[in-house]
Amino acid sequence: MTELRHVKTRDAFDALLPEAARRYLAHVSEGKAIREIARLEGCHASTVMRQVRKLEAMRDDPLLDQAFSEMEPVSDTPDVTPAALDAACEALRHLSQPGSLLLYNQNLPQPAIVRIQGEGDTRVVSTLDTGLAAAFILRDWVAEEGGTTVKRYRVTKEGRRQLPALMAARECRATQQGAAAADGLDAALPDRRMRNRSLSNGPGFESPMVALSRRKGPDGQPFLPQDFVTAGDRLHEDYAVAEFQQADLLGWDSPEALDRHYAKARQDHNIRRGEAIERTLDAIKDLGPGLSDVVLRCCCLREGLEATEKRLGWSARSGKVVLRIALQRLSLFYAKNRAAKAALIG
């Protein structure tokens, strides 16, 4: 039997803990009021309330209930440790094999990954920490398949999609000899700029944001500073996870036009996707109808600048200036959110 490296619940669970779950723990374990959490996180109290209610309902799952009962509040998104990354990679790799299931029983010390190879032939492949298994559920990497005494979970499409990214991050970490990780779950994913270049509309296509980041302005500095590019990448990632349709957010003219998408986020049982929907909506609402369109087209939909100028009726070569202004504002929006979260630590 191949045993996974044992990772403490706190280390593995905290590193992969969704934002909603951290807010939930702050409320139920630390006793913070909903409005206080909302103020510190820079969001609306109703958002925190919805997340708390959703997580409370999910505690009907005995594995999640056990994990939450062992956890303490997490003040900030911790780095993904090498041990947690290794454990997540190995667990997802085993679960992606044909016939593999994650089993959990309250009377067992740890959840187990088993492989069913034939009638009566069930083999225990590995075990993993309760907290790590719970993190898989919260991120929709595994989903319950049934069972009464023994709960069964199977890897999801999202879990299979994350596996290559996690393994690439592990290899990258090894070659860089333990370089500092980025914040939260982003540390377990390949470099944003690398993904930004690889996602394209066809052979030879390059994101307008990437192309402009290589150009120099009149002062000799990059036309798009790195923090502008990072902001565009962050919005693109949230937009992709949220699974918006191409025309969903284009052409909106009032905040009320976004209400149906906020409602969709509240009703989504996939916590990670629901959070991504809300983060995307918050960002484009801050940009406003005009600036959000150019960012959505160039950063999220990977539309070329010339095509964007034609669609929006702008004069030639004006798109790059508007995109720069929009990315500057988007960067300030994310900086403001980071400052609000930093107040929670302080």
Protein backbone atom coordinates (compact mmCIF):
# COMPACT_ATOMS: atom_id res chain seq x y z
CA MET A 1 0.00 0.00 0.00
CA THR A 2 1.31 3.44 -0.95
CA GLU A 3 0.92 5.86 1.94
CA LEU A 4 0.65 9.57 1.33
CA ARG A 5 2.87 11.80 3.35
CA HIS A 6 0.85 12.70 6.43
CA VAL A 7 0.02 16.39 6.49
CA LYS A 8 -1.43 18.03 9.55
CA THR A 9 -5.03 19.08 9.18
CA ARG A 10 -4.24 22.70 9.92
CA ASP A 11 -1.48 23.02 7.30
CA ALA A 12 -3.31 21.32 4.44
CA PHE A 13 -6.80 22.58 5.17
CA ASP A 14 -5.88 26.23 5.76
CA ALA A 15 -3.87 26.44 2.54
CA LEU A 16 -6.80 25.28 0.40
CA LEU A 17 -9.58 26.82 2.47
CA PRO A 18 -11.98 28.91 0.32
CA GLU A 19 -12.62 32.50 1.35
CA ALA A 20 -16.18 31.68 2.36
CA ALA A 21 -15.01 28.96 4.75
CA ARG A 22 -12.52 31.29 6.44
CA ARG A 23 -15.32 33.79 7.03
CA TYR A 24 -17.54 31.00 8.35
CA LEU A 25 -14.87 29.94 10.87
CA ALA A 26 -14.35 33.52 11.98
CA HIS A 27 -18.08 33.69 12.75
CA VAL A 28 -18.74 30.30 14.39
CA SER A 29 -15.37 29.63 16.06
CA GLU A 30 -14.15 33.11 16.91
CA GLY A 31 -17.58 34.60 17.49
CA LYS A 32 -17.16 37.60 15.19
CA ALA A 33 -20.31 39.35 14.11
CA ILE A 34 -21.38 39.14 10.46
CA ARG A 35 -21.11 42.91 10.04
CA GLU A 36 -17.63 42.98 11.55
CA ILE A 37 -16.40 40.28 9.16
CA ALA A 38 -17.96 42.12 6.22
CA ARG A 39 -16.26 45.38 7.23
CA LEU A 40 -12.85 43.73 7.58
CA GLU A 41 -13.23 41.82 4.31
CA GLY A 42 -14.53 44.80 2.36
CA CYS A 43 -17.78 43.12 1.28
CA HIS A 44 -21.49 43.37 2.05
CA ALA A 45 -22.88 41.76 5.22
CA SER A 46 -25.48 39.87 3.17
CA THR A 47 -22.67 38.16 1.26
CA VAL A 48 -21.11 36.88 4.49
CA MET A 49 -24.52 35.82 5.78
CA ARG A 50 -25.20 33.76 2.64
CA GLN A 51 -21.81 32.09 2.91
CA VAL A 52 -22.30 31.26 6.59
CA ARG A 53 -25.72 29.73 5.93
CA LYS A 54 -24.43 27.69 3.00
CA LEU A 55 -21.48 26.31 5.00
CA GLU A 56 -23.69 25.55 7.99
CA ALA A 57 -25.98 23.50 5.75
CA MET A 58 -22.99 21.63 4.33
CA ARG A 59 -22.07 20.40 7.81
CA ASP A 60 -24.65 17.68 7.34
CA ASP A 61 -21.75 15.96 5.61
CA PRO A 62 -19.94 14.13 8.48
CA LEU A 63 -16.52 14.61 6.92
CA LEU A 64 -16.95 18.38 6.67
CA ASP A 65 -18.44 18.53 10.14
CA GLN A 66 -15.45 16.68 11.58
CA ALA A 67 -12.97 18.93 9.79
CA PHE A 68 -14.69 22.15 10.86
CA SER A 69 -14.88 20.95 14.46
CA GLU A 70 -11.08 20.57 14.46
CA MET A 71 -10.37 23.93 12.86
CA GLU A 72 -9.60 27.32 14.36
CA PRO A 73 -10.19 30.70 12.70
CA VAL A 74 -7.75 31.61 9.93
CA SER A 75 -6.88 35.32 9.83
CA ASP A 76 -5.36 35.32 6.35
CA THR A 77 -4.77 33.09 3.35
CA PRO A 78 -1.65 31.06 4.22
CA ASP A 79 0.91 29.88 1.71
CA VAL A 80 0.52 26.40 0.25
CA THR A 81 3.33 24.45 1.91
CA PRO A 82 5.37 21.94 -0.14
CA ALA A 83 3.95 19.12 2.00
CA ALA A 84 0.35 20.23 1.40
CA LEU A 85 0.98 20.61 -2.33
CA ASP A 86 2.52 17.14 -2.52
CA ALA A 87 -0.38 15.61 -0.62
CA ALA A 88 -2.99 17.35 -2.79
CA CYS A 89 -1.24 16.24 -6.00
CA GLU A 90 -0.90 12.63 -4.91
CA ALA A 91 -4.47 12.40 -3.64
CA LEU A 92 -5.94 13.84 -6.84
CA ARG A 93 -3.69 11.59 -8.94
CA HIS A 94 -4.94 8.48 -7.12
CA LEU A 95 -8.57 9.64 -7.26
CA SER A 96 -8.32 10.24 -11.02
CA GLN A 97 -7.52 6.57 -11.65
CA PRO A 98 -10.40 4.39 -12.93
CA GLY A 99 -12.42 2.79 -10.14
CA SER A 100 -11.05 5.08 -7.41
CA LEU A 101 -13.19 6.44 -4.57
CA LEU A 102 -12.64 8.42 -1.40
CA LEU A 103 -14.28 6.69 1.58
CA TYR A 104 -15.00 8.14 5.01
CA ASN A 105 -16.45 6.69 8.18
CA GLN A 106 -16.55 8.49 11.52
CA ASN A 107 -15.14 5.41 13.23
CA LEU A 108 -12.01 5.40 11.04
CA PRO A 109 -8.98 7.58 11.89
CA GLN A 110 -8.60 8.98 8.36
CA PRO A 111 -10.42 9.05 5.02
CA ALA A 112 -9.09 6.44 2.60
CA ILE A 113 -8.69 6.29 -1.16
CA VAL A 114 -9.62 2.88 -2.49
CA ARG A 115 -9.54 1.37 -5.96
CA ILE A 116 -12.19 -1.11 -7.09
CA GLN A 117 -10.60 -3.34 -9.74
CA GLY A 118 -13.27 -5.99 -9.98
CA GLU A 119 -16.03 -7.72 -8.09
CA GLY A 120 -14.81 -8.27 -4.56
CA ASP A 121 -11.41 -6.73 -5.34
CA THR A 122 -11.13 -3.44 -3.41
CA ARG A 123 -7.68 -2.20 -2.49
CA VAL A 124 -6.74 0.67 -0.16
CA VAL A 125 -4.38 2.90 -2.13
CA SER A 126 -3.66 5.62 0.41
CA THR A 127 -5.01 7.68 3.27
CA LEU A 128 -5.19 11.42 3.65
CA ASP A 129 -5.92 13.91 6.37
CA THR A 130 -9.53 14.76 7.22
CA GLY A 131 -8.88 18.46 6.65
CA LEU A 132 -7.37 17.93 3.21
CA ALA A 133 -10.29 15.70 2.18
CA ALA A 134 -12.71 18.37 3.40
CA ALA A 135 -10.86 21.02 1.39
CA PHE A 136 -11.36 18.85 -1.71
CA ILE A 137 -15.11 18.88 -1.06
CA LEU A 138 -15.26 22.63 -0.48
CA ARG A 139 -13.39 23.30 -3.72
CA ASP A 140 -15.61 20.85 -5.63
CA TRP A 141 -12.65 18.60 -6.46
CA VAL A 142 -14.61 15.61 -5.15
CA ALA A 143 -18.36 15.13 -4.79
CA GLU A 144 -20.43 12.82 -2.60
CA GLU A 145 -21.69 9.76 -4.44
CA GLY A 146 -23.73 8.16 -1.69
CA GLY A 147 -23.35 5.83 1.24
CA THR A 148 -24.90 5.78 4.70
CA THR A 149 -22.46 4.33 7.21
CA VAL A 150 -19.51 4.80 4.85
CA LYS A 151 -19.62 7.97 2.73
CA ARG A 152 -18.31 7.71 -0.83
CA TYR A 153 -16.82 10.56 -2.88
CA ARG A 154 -15.60 10.57 -6.47
CA VAL A 155 -13.32 13.03 -8.25
CA THR A 156 -15.15 15.71 -10.25
CA LYS A 157 -14.43 17.31 -13.60
CA GLU A 158 -13.04 20.30 -11.71
CA GLY A 159 -10.73 18.03 -9.70
CA ARG A 160 -9.37 16.42 -12.87
CA ARG A 161 -8.89 19.88 -14.38
CA GLN A 162 -6.84 21.05 -11.40
CA LEU A 163 -4.52 18.05 -11.32
CA PRO A 164 -2.20 19.08 -14.21
CA ALA A 165 -1.88 22.59 -12.78
CA LEU A 166 -1.01 21.28 -9.32
CA MET A 167 1.56 18.84 -10.68
CA ALA A 168 3.13 21.55 -12.83
CA ALA A 169 3.35 23.80 -9.78
CA ARG A 170 5.05 21.03 -7.83
CA GLU A 171 7.62 20.51 -10.56
CA CYS A 172 8.18 24.25 -10.81
CA ARG A 173 8.67 24.49 -7.06
CA ALA A 174 11.21 21.68 -7.17
CA THR A 175 13.26 23.29 -9.96
CA GLN A 176 13.21 26.66 -8.24
CA GLN A 177 14.42 25.04 -5.00
CA GLY A 178 11.66 26.29 -2.79
CA ALA A 179 11.10 29.81 -4.15
CA ALA A 180 8.58 31.87 -2.18
CA ALA A 181 4.96 30.97 -2.86
CA ALA A 182 2.26 33.38 -3.93
CA ASP A 183 -0.78 34.04 -1.75
CA GLY A 184 -3.31 31.29 -1.05
CA LEU A 185 -4.37 28.80 -3.66
CA ASP A 186 -2.61 30.80 -6.42
CA ALA A 187 0.63 29.35 -5.03
CA ALA A 188 -0.56 25.92 -6.16
CA LEU A 189 -1.14 27.00 -9.74
CA PRO A 190 1.27 27.70 -12.63
CA ASP A 191 2.54 31.22 -13.12
CA ARG A 192 -0.27 33.55 -14.17
CA ARG A 193 1.72 35.11 -16.97
CA MET A 194 2.50 31.67 -18.41
CA ARG A 195 -1.21 30.80 -18.48
CA ASN A 196 -1.99 34.23 -19.89
CA ARG A 197 0.21 33.47 -22.90
CA SER A 198 -1.06 29.94 -23.38
CA LEU A 199 -4.77 30.84 -23.43
CA SER A 200 -5.49 32.06 -26.93
CA ASN A 201 -8.10 32.40 -29.63
CA GLY A 202 -6.01 30.48 -32.10
CA PRO A 203 -2.46 29.87 -33.37
CA GLY A 204 -0.26 32.90 -33.04
CA PHE A 205 -2.80 34.88 -30.97
CA GLU A 206 -1.48 36.91 -28.07
CA SER A 207 -3.46 38.73 -25.43
CA PRO A 208 -3.48 42.53 -26.01
CA MET A 209 -2.46 42.95 -22.38
CA VAL A 210 0.69 40.85 -22.88
CA ALA A 211 1.62 42.69 -26.06
CA LEU A 212 1.20 46.11 -24.45
CA SER A 213 3.20 45.07 -21.38
CA ARG A 214 6.26 44.74 -23.65
CA ARG A 215 5.89 48.20 -25.16
CA LYS A 216 7.58 51.26 -23.72
CA GLY A 217 5.83 54.53 -22.95
CA PRO A 218 7.25 58.02 -23.66
CA ASP A 219 9.15 57.86 -20.35
CA GLY A 220 10.86 54.60 -21.29
CA GLN A 221 8.85 52.60 -18.77
CA PRO A 222 6.55 49.68 -19.74
CA PHE A 223 3.25 50.95 -21.15
CA LEU A 224 1.47 48.51 -18.79
CA PRO A 225 3.21 48.14 -15.39
CA GLN A 226 3.32 44.66 -13.90
CA ASP A 227 0.64 45.42 -11.30
CA PHE A 228 -1.76 46.37 -14.12
CA VAL A 229 -1.04 43.06 -15.88
CA THR A 230 -1.47 41.15 -12.62
CA ALA A 231 -4.86 42.80 -12.07
CA GLY A 232 -6.00 41.80 -15.57
CA ASP A 233 -4.81 38.23 -15.02
CA ARG A 234 -6.65 38.03 -11.72
CA LEU A 235 -9.92 39.13 -13.32
CA HIS A 236 -9.40 36.66 -16.18
CA GLU A 237 -8.92 33.77 -13.74
CA ASP A 238 -12.03 34.63 -11.73
CA TYR A 239 -14.02 35.05 -14.95
CA ALA A 240 -12.90 31.61 -16.18
CA VAL A 241 -13.70 29.87 -12.87
CA ALA A 242 -17.09 31.62 -12.75
CA GLU A 243 -17.95 30.06 -16.14
CA PHE A 244 -19.68 33.12 -17.56
CA GLN A 245 -21.05 32.93 -21.08
CA GLN A 246 -19.40 35.25 -23.60
CA ALA A 247 -22.10 37.93 -23.62
CA ASP A 248 -23.16 37.66 -19.97
CA LEU A 249 -21.43 40.79 -18.67
CA LEU A 250 -21.07 42.88 -21.80
CA GLY A 251 -23.11 46.04 -22.33
CA TRP A 252 -24.58 46.36 -18.83
CA ASP A 253 -25.72 49.90 -18.01
CA SER A 254 -26.79 49.84 -14.35
CA PRO A 255 -25.92 47.88 -11.18
CA GLU A 256 -29.39 46.33 -11.27
CA ALA A 257 -28.43 44.57 -14.51
CA LEU A 258 -25.94 42.51 -12.52
CA ASP A 259 -28.42 41.39 -9.85
CA ARG A 260 -29.34 38.15 -11.65
CA HIS A 261 -25.67 37.12 -11.69
CA TYR A 262 -25.32 37.84 -7.96
CA ALA A 263 -28.43 35.70 -7.44
CA LYS A 264 -26.78 32.92 -9.43
CA ALA A 265 -23.71 33.11 -7.18
CA ARG A 266 -25.86 32.82 -4.06
CA GLN A 267 -27.61 29.73 -5.40
CA ASP A 268 -24.48 28.00 -6.70
CA HIS A 269 -23.59 24.91 -4.64
CA ASN A 270 -20.00 25.09 -5.90
CA ILE A 271 -18.43 27.46 -3.35
CA ARG A 272 -15.35 28.18 -5.45
CA ARG A 273 -17.40 29.11 -8.52
CA GLY A 274 -19.86 31.19 -6.49
CA GLU A 275 -17.01 33.18 -4.93
CA ALA A 276 -15.43 33.74 -8.36
CA ILE A 277 -18.74 35.04 -9.72
CA GLU A 278 -19.05 37.54 -6.87
CA ARG A 279 -15.42 38.69 -7.17
CA THR A 280 -15.83 39.22 -10.92
CA LEU A 281 -19.06 41.16 -10.47
CA ASP A 282 -17.57 43.33 -7.70
CA ALA A 283 -14.61 44.20 -9.94
CA ILE A 284 -16.61 45.13 -13.04
CA LYS A 285 -19.14 47.08 -10.97
CA ASP A 286 -16.26 49.16 -9.63
CA LEU A 287 -14.98 49.74 -13.18
CA GLY A 288 -18.36 50.85 -14.43
CA PRO A 289 -20.16 50.03 -17.72
CA GLY A 290 -17.65 51.67 -20.09
CA LEU A 291 -14.31 50.57 -18.67
CA SER A 292 -15.55 47.10 -17.77
CA ASP A 293 -16.38 46.33 -21.42
CA VAL A 294 -12.84 46.91 -22.67
CA VAL A 295 -11.32 44.88 -19.82
CA LEU A 296 -13.76 42.02 -20.31
CA ARG A 297 -13.12 41.91 -24.06
CA CYS A 298 -9.33 42.24 -23.96
CA CYS A 299 -8.47 40.40 -20.72
CA CYS A 300 -11.25 37.84 -20.27
CA LEU A 301 -12.46 37.10 -23.81
CA ARG A 302 -8.99 37.63 -25.36
CA GLU A 303 -10.38 39.88 -28.08
CA GLY A 304 -7.84 41.89 -30.05
CA LEU A 305 -7.58 45.66 -29.59
CA GLU A 306 -8.56 46.44 -33.19
CA ALA A 307 -11.67 44.25 -32.93
CA THR A 308 -12.59 45.89 -29.63
CA GLU A 309 -12.20 49.38 -31.10
CA LYS A 310 -14.50 48.48 -33.99
CA ARG A 311 -17.14 46.85 -31.79
CA LEU A 312 -17.23 49.83 -29.42
CA GLY A 313 -17.03 52.45 -32.18
CA TRP A 314 -13.74 53.95 -31.06
CA SER A 315 -11.10 55.60 -33.23
CA ALA A 316 -8.06 53.56 -34.24
CA ARG A 317 -5.32 53.16 -31.62
CA SER A 318 -7.47 54.61 -28.83
CA GLY A 319 -8.14 51.20 -27.30
CA LYS A 320 -4.73 50.83 -25.71
CA VAL A 321 -5.15 54.11 -23.81
CA VAL A 322 -8.60 53.16 -22.50
CA LEU A 323 -7.37 49.67 -21.58
CA ARG A 324 -4.49 51.17 -19.60
CA ILE A 325 -6.87 53.47 -17.70
CA ALA A 326 -9.21 50.55 -16.98
CA LEU A 327 -6.39 48.29 -15.75
CA GLN A 328 -5.07 51.08 -13.54
CA ARG A 329 -8.48 51.39 -11.89
CA LEU A 330 -8.78 47.60 -11.61
CA SER A 331 -5.36 47.46 -9.94
CA LEU A 332 -6.46 50.11 -7.42
CA PHE A 333 -9.66 48.14 -6.72
CA TYR A 334 -7.68 44.99 -5.88
CA ALA A 335 -5.20 46.99 -3.79
CA LYS A 336 -8.09 48.43 -1.78
CA ASN A 337 -9.43 44.92 -1.15
CA ARG A 338 -6.00 43.71 -0.04
CA ALA A 339 -5.75 46.62 2.38
CA ALA A 340 -9.16 45.75 3.85
CA LYS A 341 -8.05 42.14 4.39
CA ALA A 342 -4.74 43.29 5.90
CA ALA A 343 -6.74 45.18 8.55
CA LEU A 344 -8.06 41.80 9.73
CA ILE A 345 -4.50 40.68 10.50
CA GLY A 346 -3.54 43.93 12.17
